[in-house]
Amino acid sequence: MLGERVRAERNRQGITRERLAEMAGVSVDVIKRVEDGMGAKIEAAYYIAVALHTPLEALLPTQKADRAARINSARLLLEELEDRAI
């Protein structure tokens, strides 16, 4: 499901696999594996979502999207706390 959504969004934006890999800071092989349904680490999925200007939750199946949303919320909270500490 992740792969189908990444491919659909990439194609909708007219981006090649090579360009998406460059934008996301991952290898073309990672993009190919994701799109072929072989999965991805959450970090790679996050970088791909950022490169596509798409919320990570929109690319993931519901259960994984819920987890990703919680991770993102925690990350944002940590960043805010770090900013206050400075």
Protein backbone atom coordinates (compact mmCIF):
# COMPACT_ATOMS: atom_id res chain seq x y z
CA MET A 1 0.00 0.00 0.00
CA LEU A 2 2.85 2.43 0.82
CA GLY A 3 4.48 1.68 -2.52
CA GLU A 4 1.28 2.21 -4.47
CA ARG A 5 0.69 5.54 -2.77
CA VAL A 6 4.27 6.72 -3.27
CA ARG A 7 4.21 5.75 -6.95
CA ALA A 8 0.83 7.42 -7.50
CA GLU A 9 1.94 10.67 -5.83
CA ARG A 10 5.30 10.65 -7.63
CA ASN A 11 3.56 10.15 -10.97
CA ARG A 12 0.93 12.78 -10.15
CA GLN A 13 3.74 15.28 -9.57
CA GLY A 14 5.62 14.16 -12.69
CA ILE A 15 8.75 13.18 -10.74
CA THR A 16 11.08 10.39 -11.82
CA ARG A 17 12.36 7.79 -9.37
CA GLU A 18 15.82 9.27 -9.75
CA ARG A 19 14.63 12.79 -8.92
CA LEU A 20 12.59 11.60 -5.94
CA ALA A 21 15.60 9.69 -4.60
CA GLU A 22 17.71 12.83 -4.92
CA MET A 23 15.07 15.00 -3.25
CA ALA A 24 14.59 12.50 -0.40
CA GLY A 25 18.29 11.81 0.11
CA VAL A 26 17.91 8.09 -0.44
CA SER A 27 19.08 5.76 -3.19
CA VAL A 28 17.06 4.94 -6.28
CA ASP A 29 17.08 1.34 -5.03
CA VAL A 30 15.20 2.45 -1.91
CA ILE A 31 12.54 4.15 -4.04
CA LYS A 32 12.28 1.06 -6.25
CA ARG A 33 11.94 -1.27 -3.25
CA VAL A 34 9.29 0.94 -1.69
CA GLU A 35 7.28 1.19 -4.90
CA ASP A 36 7.63 -2.55 -5.51
CA GLY A 37 6.04 -3.23 -2.12
CA MET A 38 9.16 -4.44 -0.36
CA GLY A 39 8.67 -1.97 2.49
CA ALA A 40 10.86 0.74 3.94
CA LYS A 41 12.21 1.93 7.23
CA ILE A 42 10.06 4.63 8.76
CA GLU A 43 12.90 7.12 8.30
CA ALA A 44 13.05 6.49 4.55
CA ALA A 45 9.26 6.76 4.29
CA TYR A 46 9.44 10.06 6.19
CA TYR A 47 12.10 11.52 3.86
CA ILE A 48 10.10 10.40 0.82
CA ALA A 49 6.95 12.03 2.21
CA VAL A 50 8.83 15.27 2.87
CA ALA A 51 10.24 15.23 -0.66
CA LEU A 52 6.73 14.74 -2.05
CA HIS A 53 5.32 17.49 0.21
CA THR A 54 2.85 14.90 1.46
CA PRO A 55 2.01 14.01 5.05
CA LEU A 56 3.57 10.67 5.95
CA GLU A 57 0.21 9.54 7.28
CA ALA A 58 -1.27 9.92 3.80
CA LEU A 59 1.20 7.39 2.40
CA LEU A 60 0.93 4.74 5.11
CA PRO A 61 -1.75 2.15 5.89
CA THR A 62 -3.98 3.25 8.78
CA GLN A 63 -2.23 1.35 11.58
CA LYS A 64 1.21 2.52 10.48
CA ALA A 65 -0.12 6.03 9.88
CA ASP A 66 -1.34 6.18 13.48
CA ARG A 67 2.13 5.15 14.67
CA ALA A 68 3.79 7.65 12.35
CA ALA A 69 1.51 10.43 13.62
CA ARG A 70 2.48 9.63 17.21
CA ILE A 71 6.17 9.59 16.28
CA ASN A 72 5.84 12.90 14.46
CA SER A 73 4.00 14.46 17.41
CA ALA A 74 6.74 13.30 19.76
CA ARG A 75 9.42 14.66 17.44
CA LEU A 76 7.71 18.05 17.24
CA LEU A 77 7.35 18.15 21.02
CA LEU A 78 11.05 17.35 21.47
CA GLU A 79 12.03 20.06 19.00
CA GLU A 80 9.87 22.57 20.85
CA LEU A 81 11.42 21.59 24.17
CA GLU A 82 14.91 21.88 22.72
CA ASP A 83 14.09 25.36 21.38
CA ARG A 84 12.92 26.46 24.82
CA ALA A 85 16.05 25.10 26.49
CA ILE A 86 18.34 27.26 24.36
